[in-house]
N, C-alpha and C. Protein backbone atom coordinates (compact mmCIF):
# COMPACT_ATOMS: atom_id res chain seq x y z
N MET A 1 89.00 77.43 135.53
CA MET A 1 90.05 77.07 134.58
C MET A 1 89.47 76.67 133.23
N LYS A 2 88.38 75.87 133.25
CA LYS A 2 87.75 75.47 131.99
C LYS A 2 87.27 76.68 131.22
N ALA A 3 86.73 77.68 131.94
CA ALA A 3 86.24 78.88 131.27
C ALA A 3 87.38 79.62 130.59
N ILE A 4 88.55 79.68 131.23
CA ILE A 4 89.71 80.35 130.65
C ILE A 4 90.18 79.63 129.40
N ILE A 5 90.26 78.30 129.48
CA ILE A 5 90.71 77.50 128.33
C ILE A 5 89.76 77.68 127.16
N LEU A 6 88.44 77.68 127.45
CA LEU A 6 87.46 77.85 126.39
C LEU A 6 87.62 79.20 125.73
N SER A 7 87.85 80.25 126.53
CA SER A 7 88.03 81.58 125.97
C SER A 7 89.24 81.65 125.06
N LEU A 8 90.34 80.99 125.46
CA LEU A 8 91.55 80.97 124.64
C LEU A 8 91.32 80.24 123.33
N LEU A 9 90.56 79.15 123.38
CA LEU A 9 90.27 78.39 122.17
C LEU A 9 89.44 79.20 121.21
N VAL A 10 88.46 79.94 121.73
CA VAL A 10 87.60 80.76 120.89
C VAL A 10 88.41 81.86 120.23
N PHE A 11 89.30 82.51 121.01
CA PHE A 11 90.10 83.60 120.45
C PHE A 11 91.09 83.07 119.42
N GLY A 12 91.65 81.88 119.69
CA GLY A 12 92.59 81.28 118.75
C GLY A 12 91.93 80.95 117.43
N ALA A 13 90.65 80.56 117.49
CA ALA A 13 89.93 80.25 116.25
C ALA A 13 89.58 81.49 115.48
N MET A 14 89.55 82.65 116.17
CA MET A 14 89.20 83.92 115.55
C MET A 14 90.44 84.51 114.89
N ALA A 15 90.99 83.80 113.93
CA ALA A 15 92.23 84.23 113.30
C ALA A 15 91.93 84.95 112.00
N CYS A 16 93.00 85.19 111.23
CA CYS A 16 92.87 85.92 109.97
C CYS A 16 92.25 85.01 108.92
N GLN A 17 91.04 84.57 109.17
CA GLN A 17 90.31 83.67 108.30
C GLN A 17 88.87 84.13 108.26
N ASN A 18 88.16 83.77 107.20
CA ASN A 18 86.72 84.04 107.16
C ASN A 18 86.03 82.94 106.37
N SER A 19 84.79 82.68 106.72
CA SER A 19 84.09 81.56 106.12
C SER A 19 83.70 81.86 104.68
N SER A 20 83.53 80.79 103.89
CA SER A 20 83.17 80.97 102.49
C SER A 20 81.79 81.60 102.34
N ALA A 21 80.98 81.53 103.39
CA ALA A 21 79.63 82.09 103.32
C ALA A 21 79.65 83.61 103.18
N THR A 22 80.72 84.25 103.68
CA THR A 22 80.78 85.71 103.61
C THR A 22 81.51 86.20 102.36
N VAL A 23 82.18 85.31 101.67
CA VAL A 23 83.04 85.73 100.56
C VAL A 23 82.27 86.31 99.39
N ALA A 24 81.24 85.63 98.94
CA ALA A 24 80.51 86.06 97.75
C ALA A 24 79.94 87.46 97.92
N GLY A 25 79.42 87.77 99.10
CA GLY A 25 78.85 89.07 99.34
C GLY A 25 79.89 90.17 99.42
N ASP A 26 81.10 89.82 99.88
CA ASP A 26 82.13 90.82 100.05
C ASP A 26 82.71 91.31 98.73
N VAL A 27 82.79 90.44 97.73
CA VAL A 27 83.44 90.80 96.48
C VAL A 27 82.78 91.99 95.84
N GLN A 28 81.47 91.97 95.69
CA GLN A 28 80.76 93.06 95.05
C GLN A 28 80.86 94.33 95.88
N GLU A 29 80.80 94.20 97.20
CA GLU A 29 80.87 95.37 98.08
C GLU A 29 82.20 96.10 97.89
N ILE A 30 83.29 95.37 97.84
CA ILE A 30 84.59 95.99 97.71
C ILE A 30 84.77 96.60 96.33
N GLN A 31 84.27 95.94 95.31
CA GLN A 31 84.37 96.50 93.97
C GLN A 31 83.61 97.82 93.87
N GLN A 32 82.50 97.92 94.58
CA GLN A 32 81.71 99.14 94.54
C GLN A 32 82.38 100.26 95.33
N LYS A 33 83.09 99.93 96.41
CA LYS A 33 83.65 100.95 97.29
C LYS A 33 85.06 101.37 96.90
N LYS A 34 85.73 100.62 96.05
CA LYS A 34 87.05 101.02 95.57
C LYS A 34 86.93 102.37 94.85
N SER A 35 87.80 103.29 95.14
CA SER A 35 87.68 104.63 94.59
C SER A 35 87.97 104.68 93.10
N GLY A 36 88.88 103.82 92.62
CA GLY A 36 89.22 103.83 91.21
C GLY A 36 90.15 104.96 90.83
N LYS A 37 90.64 105.75 91.80
CA LYS A 37 91.54 106.85 91.52
C LYS A 37 92.92 106.31 91.13
N PRO A 38 93.60 106.98 90.21
CA PRO A 38 94.93 106.52 89.80
C PRO A 38 95.92 106.59 90.95
N ILE A 39 96.87 105.66 90.97
CA ILE A 39 97.88 105.61 92.02
C ILE A 39 99.07 106.46 91.59
N LYS A 40 99.28 107.56 92.29
CA LYS A 40 100.36 108.47 91.94
C LYS A 40 101.62 108.09 92.71
N THR A 41 102.27 107.02 92.26
CA THR A 41 103.46 106.52 92.94
C THR A 41 104.53 106.18 91.91
N ASN A 42 105.75 105.98 92.39
CA ASN A 42 106.83 105.64 91.48
C ASN A 42 107.68 104.47 91.94
N ALA A 43 107.24 103.78 93.00
CA ALA A 43 108.02 102.66 93.51
C ALA A 43 107.10 101.69 94.25
N VAL A 44 107.58 100.46 94.44
CA VAL A 44 106.83 99.45 95.20
C VAL A 44 107.77 98.72 96.15
N GLY A 45 107.21 98.21 97.24
CA GLY A 45 107.95 97.40 98.18
C GLY A 45 107.10 96.23 98.60
N TYR A 46 107.75 95.15 99.03
CA TYR A 46 107.03 93.92 99.38
C TYR A 46 107.41 93.47 100.79
N PHE A 47 106.39 93.21 101.61
CA PHE A 47 106.62 92.84 103.00
C PHE A 47 105.59 91.79 103.44
N ALA A 48 105.96 91.05 104.49
CA ALA A 48 105.03 90.11 105.13
C ALA A 48 105.27 90.18 106.64
N SER A 49 104.19 90.36 107.41
CA SER A 49 104.35 90.43 108.87
C SER A 49 103.06 90.04 109.57
N GLY A 50 102.53 88.89 109.18
CA GLY A 50 101.30 88.41 109.79
C GLY A 50 100.11 88.57 108.87
N CYS A 51 98.94 88.61 109.43
CA CYS A 51 97.70 88.72 108.65
C CYS A 51 97.74 89.94 107.74
N PHE A 52 97.53 89.71 106.44
CA PHE A 52 97.65 90.85 105.52
C PHE A 52 96.55 91.89 105.69
N TRP A 53 95.45 91.55 106.33
CA TRP A 53 94.45 92.57 106.63
C TRP A 53 95.07 93.65 107.52
N CYS A 54 95.85 93.21 108.52
CA CYS A 54 96.49 94.14 109.45
C CYS A 54 97.58 94.93 108.76
N VAL A 55 98.43 94.24 108.02
CA VAL A 55 99.60 94.88 107.41
C VAL A 55 99.18 95.91 106.37
N GLU A 56 98.18 95.58 105.58
CA GLU A 56 97.67 96.50 104.57
C GLU A 56 97.21 97.80 105.22
N ALA A 57 96.46 97.70 106.30
CA ALA A 57 95.92 98.90 106.98
C ALA A 57 97.04 99.76 107.54
N VAL A 58 98.07 99.14 108.09
CA VAL A 58 99.19 99.90 108.65
C VAL A 58 99.89 100.71 107.57
N PHE A 59 100.29 100.06 106.49
CA PHE A 59 101.02 100.77 105.44
C PHE A 59 100.15 101.83 104.76
N GLU A 60 98.86 101.57 104.63
CA GLU A 60 97.99 102.55 103.98
C GLU A 60 97.82 103.81 104.83
N SER A 61 98.18 103.75 106.10
CA SER A 61 98.07 104.93 106.96
C SER A 61 99.29 105.84 106.84
N VAL A 62 100.31 105.38 106.12
CA VAL A 62 101.58 106.10 106.06
C VAL A 62 101.60 107.15 104.96
N LYS A 63 102.06 108.33 105.30
CA LYS A 63 102.18 109.43 104.35
C LYS A 63 103.13 109.05 103.21
N GLY A 64 102.66 109.22 101.96
CA GLY A 64 103.48 108.89 100.81
C GLY A 64 103.13 107.55 100.19
N VAL A 65 102.34 106.76 100.89
CA VAL A 65 101.89 105.48 100.34
C VAL A 65 100.57 105.70 99.60
N GLY A 66 100.53 105.26 98.33
CA GLY A 66 99.33 105.49 97.53
C GLY A 66 98.30 104.38 97.65
N GLU A 67 98.76 103.13 97.68
CA GLU A 67 97.85 101.99 97.74
C GLU A 67 98.64 100.80 98.24
N VAL A 68 97.93 99.85 98.84
CA VAL A 68 98.55 98.61 99.29
C VAL A 68 97.66 97.47 98.86
N GLU A 69 98.26 96.45 98.26
CA GLU A 69 97.52 95.26 97.85
C GLU A 69 97.92 94.07 98.71
N SER A 70 96.93 93.30 99.13
CA SER A 70 97.19 92.07 99.88
C SER A 70 97.40 90.93 98.89
N GLY A 71 98.31 90.03 99.24
CA GLY A 71 98.56 88.91 98.34
C GLY A 71 99.45 87.85 98.98
N TYR A 72 100.10 87.08 98.14
CA TYR A 72 100.91 85.95 98.59
C TYR A 72 102.28 85.99 97.93
N ALA A 73 103.33 85.73 98.72
CA ALA A 73 104.70 85.72 98.19
C ALA A 73 105.55 84.80 99.07
N GLY A 74 106.72 84.47 98.56
CA GLY A 74 107.65 83.67 99.35
C GLY A 74 107.60 82.18 99.11
N GLY A 75 106.71 81.74 98.23
CA GLY A 75 106.61 80.32 97.93
C GLY A 75 106.94 80.04 96.48
N THR A 76 106.91 78.77 96.11
CA THR A 76 107.23 78.38 94.73
C THR A 76 106.00 77.93 93.95
N GLU A 77 104.91 77.68 94.65
CA GLU A 77 103.71 77.21 93.99
C GLU A 77 103.07 78.33 93.17
N LYS A 78 102.52 77.98 92.02
CA LYS A 78 101.89 78.97 91.15
C LYS A 78 100.42 79.17 91.53
N ASN A 79 99.97 80.40 91.39
CA ASN A 79 98.56 80.76 91.59
C ASN A 79 97.98 80.25 92.91
N PRO A 80 98.60 80.57 94.03
CA PRO A 80 98.06 80.12 95.32
C PRO A 80 96.73 80.81 95.63
N THR A 81 95.90 80.13 96.37
CA THR A 81 94.63 80.70 96.81
C THR A 81 94.68 80.90 98.32
N TYR A 82 93.73 81.66 98.83
CA TYR A 82 93.66 81.91 100.27
C TYR A 82 93.52 80.62 101.06
N GLU A 83 92.69 79.72 100.54
CA GLU A 83 92.48 78.45 101.23
C GLU A 83 93.76 77.62 101.26
N MET A 84 94.49 77.61 100.15
CA MET A 84 95.75 76.86 100.08
C MET A 84 96.79 77.43 101.03
N VAL A 85 96.96 78.75 101.01
CA VAL A 85 97.96 79.38 101.86
C VAL A 85 97.58 79.25 103.33
N GLY A 86 96.30 79.48 103.63
CA GLY A 86 95.84 79.41 105.00
C GLY A 86 95.93 78.03 105.62
N SER A 87 95.87 77.01 104.80
CA SER A 87 95.95 75.63 105.30
C SER A 87 97.38 75.18 105.49
N GLY A 88 98.34 76.00 105.02
CA GLY A 88 99.74 75.61 105.13
C GLY A 88 100.20 74.68 104.04
N ARG A 89 99.40 74.54 102.97
CA ARG A 89 99.77 73.62 101.90
C ARG A 89 100.73 74.24 100.89
N THR A 90 101.08 75.51 101.07
CA THR A 90 102.07 76.15 100.20
C THR A 90 103.15 76.77 101.08
N HIS A 91 104.20 77.27 100.46
CA HIS A 91 105.26 77.93 101.20
C HIS A 91 105.09 79.45 101.20
N HIS A 92 103.99 79.92 100.67
CA HIS A 92 103.76 81.36 100.60
C HIS A 92 103.39 81.93 101.97
N ALA A 93 103.65 83.23 102.10
CA ALA A 93 103.22 83.97 103.28
C ALA A 93 102.22 85.02 102.85
N GLU A 94 101.29 85.36 103.73
CA GLU A 94 100.40 86.48 103.47
C GLU A 94 101.27 87.73 103.42
N SER A 95 101.20 88.45 102.32
CA SER A 95 102.12 89.55 102.06
C SER A 95 101.39 90.77 101.53
N VAL A 96 102.13 91.88 101.43
CA VAL A 96 101.54 93.08 100.85
C VAL A 96 102.49 93.69 99.83
N LYS A 97 101.90 94.33 98.84
CA LYS A 97 102.63 95.11 97.84
C LYS A 97 102.32 96.57 98.10
N VAL A 98 103.33 97.35 98.44
CA VAL A 98 103.16 98.73 98.85
C VAL A 98 103.57 99.66 97.71
N TYR A 99 102.62 100.40 97.17
CA TYR A 99 102.91 101.40 96.15
C TYR A 99 103.18 102.73 96.87
N TYR A 100 104.33 103.34 96.60
CA TYR A 100 104.65 104.57 97.32
C TYR A 100 105.39 105.59 96.45
N ASP A 101 105.34 106.83 96.91
CA ASP A 101 106.03 107.93 96.25
C ASP A 101 107.36 108.13 96.98
N SER A 102 108.46 107.77 96.33
CA SER A 102 109.77 107.82 96.99
C SER A 102 110.25 109.24 97.24
N THR A 103 109.56 110.24 96.68
CA THR A 103 109.91 111.64 96.97
C THR A 103 109.28 112.10 98.28
N ILE A 104 108.35 111.28 98.80
CA ILE A 104 107.66 111.63 100.05
C ILE A 104 108.07 110.69 101.18
N VAL A 105 108.14 109.40 100.89
CA VAL A 105 108.53 108.42 101.89
C VAL A 105 109.61 107.51 101.30
N SER A 106 110.66 107.29 102.05
CA SER A 106 111.79 106.49 101.57
C SER A 106 111.57 105.00 101.88
N TYR A 107 112.35 104.17 101.20
CA TYR A 107 112.26 102.73 101.47
C TYR A 107 112.72 102.45 102.90
N SER A 108 113.72 103.18 103.37
CA SER A 108 114.19 102.96 104.74
C SER A 108 113.10 103.28 105.75
N THR A 109 112.24 104.25 105.44
CA THR A 109 111.12 104.55 106.33
C THR A 109 110.10 103.43 106.31
N LEU A 110 109.88 102.83 105.13
CA LEU A 110 108.97 101.68 105.05
C LEU A 110 109.49 100.52 105.88
N VAL A 111 110.80 100.34 105.90
CA VAL A 111 111.40 99.30 106.75
C VAL A 111 111.15 99.62 108.22
N LYS A 112 111.25 100.89 108.56
CA LYS A 112 110.95 101.33 109.94
C LYS A 112 109.50 101.04 110.28
N VAL A 113 108.60 101.32 109.35
CA VAL A 113 107.17 101.02 109.55
C VAL A 113 106.98 99.53 109.75
N PHE A 114 107.64 98.74 108.94
CA PHE A 114 107.54 97.29 109.02
C PHE A 114 107.90 96.78 110.41
N PHE A 115 109.08 97.17 110.91
CA PHE A 115 109.51 96.68 112.22
C PHE A 115 108.76 97.35 113.36
N GLY A 116 108.21 98.54 113.11
CA GLY A 116 107.50 99.23 114.17
C GLY A 116 106.04 98.85 114.31
N SER A 117 105.59 97.91 113.47
CA SER A 117 104.16 97.56 113.49
C SER A 117 103.90 96.07 113.71
N HIS A 118 104.94 95.30 114.04
CA HIS A 118 104.71 93.89 114.37
C HIS A 118 105.83 93.39 115.27
N ASP A 119 105.71 92.16 115.72
CA ASP A 119 106.73 91.55 116.59
C ASP A 119 107.62 90.64 115.74
N PRO A 120 108.85 91.08 115.42
CA PRO A 120 109.72 90.27 114.57
C PRO A 120 110.49 89.19 115.32
N THR A 121 110.16 88.99 116.60
CA THR A 121 110.88 87.99 117.39
C THR A 121 110.17 86.64 117.42
N THR A 122 108.93 86.60 116.98
CA THR A 122 108.15 85.35 117.05
C THR A 122 108.24 84.62 115.71
N LEU A 123 108.71 83.40 115.73
CA LEU A 123 108.89 82.62 114.52
C LEU A 123 107.56 82.01 114.07
N ASN A 124 107.18 82.30 112.83
CA ASN A 124 105.95 81.73 112.27
C ASN A 124 104.72 82.03 113.11
N GLN A 125 104.68 83.24 113.64
CA GLN A 125 103.52 83.63 114.45
C GLN A 125 103.44 85.14 114.53
N GLN A 126 102.22 85.64 114.51
CA GLN A 126 101.97 87.05 114.77
C GLN A 126 100.63 87.15 115.49
N GLY A 127 100.70 87.52 116.76
CA GLY A 127 99.48 87.57 117.55
C GLY A 127 98.84 86.19 117.64
N PRO A 128 97.53 86.10 117.40
CA PRO A 128 96.85 84.80 117.49
C PRO A 128 97.07 83.91 116.27
N ASP A 129 97.73 84.44 115.23
CA ASP A 129 97.90 83.70 113.98
C ASP A 129 99.20 82.91 114.01
N ARG A 130 99.11 81.62 113.78
CA ARG A 130 100.28 80.75 113.82
C ARG A 130 100.43 79.98 112.51
N GLY A 131 101.66 79.78 112.10
CA GLY A 131 101.95 79.04 110.89
C GLY A 131 102.92 79.81 110.02
N PRO A 132 103.64 79.12 109.13
CA PRO A 132 104.63 79.80 108.27
C PRO A 132 104.02 80.84 107.35
N GLN A 133 102.71 80.74 107.10
CA GLN A 133 102.06 81.75 106.25
C GLN A 133 102.00 83.12 106.93
N TYR A 134 102.32 83.17 108.23
CA TYR A 134 102.31 84.44 108.97
C TYR A 134 103.72 84.88 109.37
N ARG A 135 104.74 84.32 108.73
CA ARG A 135 106.10 84.66 109.11
C ARG A 135 106.49 86.07 108.66
N SER A 136 107.54 86.58 109.26
CA SER A 136 108.02 87.93 109.01
C SER A 136 109.07 87.92 107.90
N ILE A 137 108.81 88.70 106.82
CA ILE A 137 109.71 88.70 105.67
C ILE A 137 109.82 90.09 105.06
N ILE A 138 111.04 90.46 104.67
CA ILE A 138 111.27 91.59 103.79
C ILE A 138 111.75 91.02 102.46
N PHE A 139 111.03 91.33 101.39
CA PHE A 139 111.41 90.87 100.05
C PHE A 139 112.14 92.02 99.35
N TYR A 140 113.46 91.91 99.23
CA TYR A 140 114.21 92.99 98.60
C TYR A 140 114.30 92.78 97.09
N GLN A 141 114.33 93.90 96.35
CA GLN A 141 114.36 93.84 94.89
C GLN A 141 115.72 94.23 94.31
N ASN A 142 116.60 94.74 95.14
CA ASN A 142 117.94 95.12 94.69
C ASN A 142 118.88 95.17 95.88
N ASP A 143 120.16 95.39 95.62
CA ASP A 143 121.17 95.40 96.69
C ASP A 143 120.92 96.53 97.69
N SER A 144 120.45 97.66 97.19
CA SER A 144 120.20 98.80 98.08
C SER A 144 119.15 98.45 99.13
N GLU A 145 118.04 97.85 98.69
CA GLU A 145 116.98 97.47 99.64
C GLU A 145 117.49 96.44 100.64
N LYS A 146 118.29 95.49 100.18
CA LYS A 146 118.84 94.48 101.08
C LYS A 146 119.76 95.13 102.12
N GLN A 147 120.61 96.03 101.69
CA GLN A 147 121.53 96.70 102.61
C GLN A 147 120.79 97.53 103.64
N LEU A 148 119.73 98.22 103.21
CA LEU A 148 118.94 99.01 104.14
C LEU A 148 118.25 98.14 105.17
N ALA A 149 117.70 97.01 104.72
CA ALA A 149 117.02 96.09 105.64
C ALA A 149 118.00 95.48 106.62
N ASP A 150 119.14 95.00 106.12
CA ASP A 150 120.15 94.38 106.99
C ASP A 150 120.69 95.39 108.00
N ALA A 151 120.94 96.61 107.54
CA ALA A 151 121.50 97.64 108.43
C ALA A 151 120.51 97.98 109.54
N TYR A 152 119.21 98.04 109.21
CA TYR A 152 118.22 98.38 110.23
C TYR A 152 118.10 97.26 111.25
N ILE A 153 118.19 96.02 110.79
CA ILE A 153 118.14 94.88 111.71
C ILE A 153 119.33 94.94 112.67
N MET A 154 120.51 95.21 112.14
CA MET A 154 121.71 95.30 112.97
C MET A 154 121.57 96.42 114.00
N GLU A 155 120.96 97.54 113.59
CA GLU A 155 120.75 98.66 114.49
C GLU A 155 119.79 98.29 115.62
N LEU A 156 118.72 97.59 115.28
CA LEU A 156 117.75 97.17 116.29
C LEU A 156 118.39 96.23 117.31
N LEU A 157 119.21 95.31 116.83
CA LEU A 157 119.87 94.36 117.72
C LEU A 157 120.95 95.05 118.56
N LYS A 158 121.71 95.94 117.93
CA LYS A 158 122.77 96.66 118.64
C LYS A 158 122.21 97.50 119.77
N ASN A 159 121.07 98.15 119.49
CA ASN A 159 120.44 99.00 120.50
C ASN A 159 119.54 98.22 121.45
N LYS A 160 119.50 96.91 121.26
CA LYS A 160 118.74 96.00 122.12
C LYS A 160 117.25 96.33 122.14
N ILE A 161 116.76 96.82 120.98
CA ILE A 161 115.32 97.00 120.84
C ILE A 161 114.66 95.63 120.85
N PHE A 162 115.33 94.67 120.19
CA PHE A 162 114.93 93.26 120.22
C PHE A 162 116.17 92.44 120.53
N THR A 163 115.97 91.36 121.27
CA THR A 163 117.11 90.48 121.59
C THR A 163 117.38 89.48 120.47
N ARG A 164 116.38 89.25 119.65
CA ARG A 164 116.55 88.42 118.45
C ARG A 164 115.52 88.86 117.43
N ILE A 165 115.82 88.59 116.16
CA ILE A 165 114.91 88.92 115.07
C ILE A 165 114.83 87.74 114.13
N THR A 166 113.62 87.26 113.90
CA THR A 166 113.42 86.09 113.03
C THR A 166 113.05 86.46 111.60
N THR A 167 112.99 87.76 111.32
CA THR A 167 112.60 88.23 109.99
C THR A 167 113.53 87.68 108.91
N GLU A 168 112.94 87.15 107.85
CA GLU A 168 113.71 86.72 106.69
C GLU A 168 113.92 87.93 105.77
N VAL A 169 115.12 88.06 105.24
CA VAL A 169 115.41 89.07 104.23
C VAL A 169 115.81 88.31 102.97
N VAL A 170 114.89 88.22 102.02
CA VAL A 170 115.07 87.34 100.87
C VAL A 170 114.77 88.09 99.57
N PRO A 171 115.36 87.65 98.47
CA PRO A 171 115.09 88.31 97.19
C PRO A 171 113.65 88.13 96.76
N PHE A 172 113.07 89.20 96.23
CA PHE A 172 111.70 89.13 95.72
C PHE A 172 111.66 88.30 94.44
N GLU A 173 110.66 87.45 94.32
CA GLU A 173 110.51 86.63 93.11
C GLU A 173 109.16 86.85 92.44
N LYS A 174 108.08 86.65 93.19
CA LYS A 174 106.75 86.73 92.58
C LYS A 174 105.72 87.09 93.63
N PHE A 175 104.80 87.98 93.26
CA PHE A 175 103.71 88.36 94.14
C PHE A 175 102.40 88.02 93.45
N TYR A 176 101.55 87.28 94.14
CA TYR A 176 100.22 86.96 93.62
C TYR A 176 99.20 87.76 94.41
N ILE A 177 98.45 88.60 93.73
CA ILE A 177 97.45 89.40 94.43
C ILE A 177 96.35 88.49 94.97
N ALA A 178 95.91 88.77 96.19
CA ALA A 178 94.87 87.95 96.83
C ALA A 178 93.51 88.23 96.22
N GLU A 179 92.58 87.38 96.57
CA GLU A 179 91.21 87.51 96.09
C GLU A 179 90.65 88.88 96.45
N GLY A 180 89.73 89.36 95.62
CA GLY A 180 89.21 90.71 95.76
C GLY A 180 88.64 91.04 97.12
N TYR A 181 88.03 90.09 97.77
CA TYR A 181 87.38 90.39 99.04
C TYR A 181 88.38 90.65 100.17
N HIS A 182 89.67 90.38 99.93
CA HIS A 182 90.68 90.67 100.95
C HIS A 182 91.20 92.10 100.87
N GLN A 183 91.00 92.77 99.75
CA GLN A 183 91.54 94.11 99.58
C GLN A 183 90.76 95.13 100.43
N ASN A 184 91.51 95.96 101.14
CA ASN A 184 90.90 96.97 102.04
C ASN A 184 89.98 96.32 103.08
N TYR A 185 90.32 95.12 103.50
CA TYR A 185 89.42 94.36 104.36
C TYR A 185 89.13 95.06 105.68
N GLU A 186 90.16 95.55 106.33
CA GLU A 186 89.94 96.18 107.63
C GLU A 186 89.06 97.42 107.51
N LYS A 187 89.31 98.22 106.48
CA LYS A 187 88.55 99.44 106.28
C LYS A 187 87.08 99.15 106.00
N LEU A 188 86.82 98.08 105.25
CA LEU A 188 85.46 97.76 104.85
C LEU A 188 84.69 96.90 105.85
N HIS A 189 85.42 96.30 106.80
CA HIS A 189 84.76 95.41 107.76
C HIS A 189 85.19 95.75 109.19
N PRO A 190 84.97 96.97 109.64
CA PRO A 190 85.44 97.38 110.97
C PRO A 190 84.76 96.64 112.12
N ASP A 191 83.61 96.00 111.85
CA ASP A 191 82.90 95.31 112.92
C ASP A 191 83.16 93.80 112.93
N GLN A 192 83.97 93.32 111.99
CA GLN A 192 84.30 91.89 111.98
C GLN A 192 85.10 91.57 113.25
N SER A 193 84.87 90.41 113.86
CA SER A 193 85.43 90.10 115.17
C SER A 193 86.96 90.16 115.21
N TYR A 194 87.62 89.59 114.22
CA TYR A 194 89.08 89.61 114.19
C TYR A 194 89.59 91.04 114.01
N VAL A 195 88.94 91.78 113.14
CA VAL A 195 89.35 93.17 112.90
C VAL A 195 89.25 93.99 114.18
N ARG A 196 88.14 93.83 114.91
CA ARG A 196 87.96 94.57 116.16
C ARG A 196 88.99 94.17 117.21
N ALA A 197 89.26 92.86 117.31
CA ALA A 197 90.11 92.36 118.38
C ALA A 197 91.60 92.45 118.09
N VAL A 198 91.98 92.37 116.82
CA VAL A 198 93.41 92.29 116.47
C VAL A 198 93.86 93.41 115.53
N SER A 199 93.17 93.55 114.40
CA SER A 199 93.64 94.48 113.37
C SER A 199 93.61 95.94 113.82
N ILE A 200 92.48 96.39 114.33
CA ILE A 200 92.36 97.79 114.73
C ILE A 200 93.29 98.13 115.88
N PRO A 201 93.39 97.30 116.94
CA PRO A 201 94.36 97.60 117.99
C PRO A 201 95.80 97.66 117.47
N ARG A 202 96.14 96.80 116.51
CA ARG A 202 97.49 96.83 115.95
C ARG A 202 97.73 98.12 115.18
N LEU A 203 96.76 98.55 114.41
CA LEU A 203 96.87 99.80 113.67
C LEU A 203 96.97 100.99 114.63
N ASN A 204 96.13 101.01 115.65
CA ASN A 204 96.14 102.12 116.60
C ASN A 204 97.45 102.20 117.38
N ALA A 205 98.03 101.03 117.69
CA ALA A 205 99.32 101.01 118.39
C ALA A 205 100.40 101.62 117.52
N PHE A 206 100.37 101.31 116.23
CA PHE A 206 101.35 101.88 115.31
C PHE A 206 101.17 103.39 115.20
N LYS A 207 99.93 103.83 115.07
CA LYS A 207 99.65 105.26 114.94
C LYS A 207 100.13 106.03 116.18
N ALA A 208 99.94 105.46 117.34
CA ALA A 208 100.36 106.12 118.57
C ALA A 208 101.88 106.20 118.66
N LYS A 209 102.55 105.22 118.07
CA LYS A 209 104.02 105.15 118.14
C LYS A 209 104.69 106.08 117.15
N TYR A 210 104.08 106.24 115.96
CA TYR A 210 104.69 107.04 114.89
C TYR A 210 103.72 108.05 114.29
N PRO A 211 103.22 108.98 115.08
CA PRO A 211 102.26 109.96 114.54
C PRO A 211 102.85 110.81 113.42
N GLU A 212 104.16 111.01 113.43
CA GLU A 212 104.81 111.84 112.42
C GLU A 212 104.82 111.20 111.04
N LEU A 213 104.53 109.90 110.95
CA LEU A 213 104.54 109.20 109.66
C LEU A 213 103.15 109.10 109.02
N LEU A 214 102.14 109.55 109.74
CA LEU A 214 100.76 109.34 109.28
C LEU A 214 100.32 110.38 108.25
N LYS A 215 99.37 109.97 107.42
CA LYS A 215 98.78 110.87 106.44
C LYS A 215 97.97 111.96 107.15
């Protein structure tokens, strides 16, 4: 029993966090590996569904999505940092900004991707990550986006895909891009323990579920 408890504690500590010792080295690496190619898109969407390393990788796998940025949204504090958000000292959630070509992928499809790649029934939790910074949110920018999100939620509940949904559907206000070392994190750190244990399995599960949406 002690061995099981210890294993759970170790896995729980292996959350969407990384030590400051690795940060300085990551910044230059990511700047060097960024392609720098222009983003050929005409629209953006904002979502939060747990660790942004995972969410970024999922949306970037979708056909019609040009780029995804990890960041913070949903709070009132200005210029939040990873340490502030991760400690729960702000009301922000780890979020993503999705740049996409609406002639290739629709907003309603992005909503489908959102619900098809995380568990919207768990309040303030996604996998091993716990706290309001990991809550499920759709940030709508206009009435059309709100109606599409609300309609899809009603459809999921009506068809009993989920018995309850804790996702917030709230107006978009402000997105703060996260520190450079968080961008493309899963792609650049495939051997990191959290990425191996949580991010990659989550991405692969989505790919297996929706192969028709992949690039």
